[in-house]
Amino acid sequence: MAYALVFTEQYSQRAARFLKRHPELRQQYLKTLKLLEANPYHPSLRLHPLHGKLAGLHSVSINLSYHITLELLIQGEQIIPVNVGDHDAVY
């Protein structure tokens, strides 16, 4: 089952800033998005639910230092990214 990534304008702006600051991560970032679309539960993404003020959101990893926070709408088969950045920026 394939999922659809739905990018908000706010996320697209955040992603553009992130990639401008970290151009070396572009390939890893794009690979993460492709894998997320194909299978958000793939072990290499390290999908996990968030707690506290971010309860209801999930996080996946681009690599060990950078994460994408997202909202999973599994019933609608949609994935809506919310934020991207290092641990401190995202959480």
Protein backbone atom coordinates (compact mmCIF):
# COMPACT_ATOMS: atom_id res chain seq x y z
CA MET A 1 0.00 0.00 0.00
CA ALA A 2 1.48 3.36 -1.02
CA TYR A 3 0.90 6.49 1.00
CA ALA A 4 0.57 10.02 -0.31
CA LEU A 5 2.81 12.75 1.06
CA VAL A 6 0.91 16.01 1.47
CA PHE A 7 3.16 19.05 1.84
CA THR A 8 1.82 22.18 3.48
CA GLU A 9 3.21 25.56 2.49
CA GLN A 10 4.63 25.97 6.00
CA TYR A 11 6.46 22.63 5.81
CA SER A 12 7.79 23.37 2.33
CA GLN A 13 9.31 26.61 3.62
CA ARG A 14 10.86 24.81 6.61
CA ALA A 15 12.25 22.09 4.36
CA ALA A 16 13.73 24.67 1.97
CA ARG A 17 15.49 26.43 4.88
CA PHE A 18 16.71 23.09 6.24
CA LEU A 19 18.14 22.04 2.87
CA LYS A 20 19.75 25.45 2.37
CA ARG A 21 21.53 25.05 5.72
CA HIS A 22 22.38 21.38 5.09
CA PRO A 23 22.86 20.81 1.33
CA GLU A 24 24.91 17.69 2.09
CA LEU A 25 21.73 16.02 3.43
CA ARG A 26 19.60 16.53 0.29
CA GLN A 27 20.05 12.96 -1.00
CA GLN A 28 19.35 11.40 2.42
CA TYR A 29 16.32 13.67 2.87
CA LEU A 30 14.85 12.73 -0.51
CA LYS A 31 15.54 9.04 0.11
CA THR A 32 13.73 9.31 3.46
CA LEU A 33 10.69 10.88 1.78
CA LYS A 34 10.57 8.15 -0.89
CA LEU A 35 10.81 5.42 1.72
CA LEU A 36 8.18 7.13 3.86
CA GLU A 37 5.81 7.17 0.90
CA ALA A 38 6.44 3.51 0.10
CA ASN A 39 6.43 2.18 3.68
CA PRO A 40 6.34 4.49 6.72
CA TYR A 41 6.95 1.46 8.95
CA HIS A 42 10.29 0.54 7.37
CA PRO A 43 12.75 -0.11 10.23
CA SER A 44 15.40 2.28 8.91
CA LEU A 45 13.00 5.23 9.39
CA ARG A 46 12.74 4.53 13.12
CA LEU A 47 9.12 5.73 13.18
CA HIS A 48 7.96 6.48 16.70
CA PRO A 49 5.12 8.43 18.32
CA LEU A 50 5.88 11.65 20.14
CA HIS A 51 4.66 12.60 23.60
CA GLY A 52 4.00 15.75 25.60
CA LYS A 53 3.27 18.88 23.59
CA LEU A 54 3.81 16.94 20.35
CA ALA A 55 1.46 14.07 21.24
CA GLY A 56 -0.41 12.85 18.19
CA LEU A 57 2.61 13.39 15.93
CA HIS A 58 5.29 10.92 14.90
CA SER A 59 8.95 11.25 14.05
CA VAL A 60 11.12 9.51 11.47
CA SER A 61 14.87 9.80 11.10
CA ILE A 62 16.81 11.14 8.15
CA ASN A 63 19.97 10.00 9.93
CA LEU A 64 21.02 9.78 13.57
CA SER A 65 21.06 13.57 13.99
CA TYR A 66 18.16 14.82 11.87
CA HIS A 67 14.45 14.00 12.05
CA ILE A 68 11.18 14.79 10.32
CA THR A 69 8.19 15.30 12.58
CA LEU A 70 4.97 14.37 10.88
CA GLU A 71 1.32 13.73 11.31
CA LEU A 72 0.20 10.34 10.08
CA LEU A 73 -3.29 10.10 8.73
CA ILE A 74 -3.27 6.36 8.18
CA GLN A 75 -6.99 6.03 7.47
CA GLY A 76 -6.73 8.47 4.63
CA GLU A 77 -3.41 6.96 3.55
CA GLN A 78 -1.88 10.41 3.81
CA ILE A 79 1.31 11.52 5.50
CA ILE A 80 1.62 15.21 6.33
CA PRO A 81 5.15 16.35 7.29
CA VAL A 82 5.12 19.06 9.95
CA ASN A 83 8.77 19.93 10.61
CA VAL A 84 12.31 18.90 9.70
CA GLY A 85 15.56 19.54 11.54
CA ASP A 86 17.90 18.34 14.24
CA HIS A 87 16.55 17.07 17.53
CA ASP A 88 16.46 20.48 19.23
CA ALA A 89 14.82 22.24 16.27
CA VAL A 90 12.12 19.62 15.80
CA TYR A 91 11.31 18.90 19.44
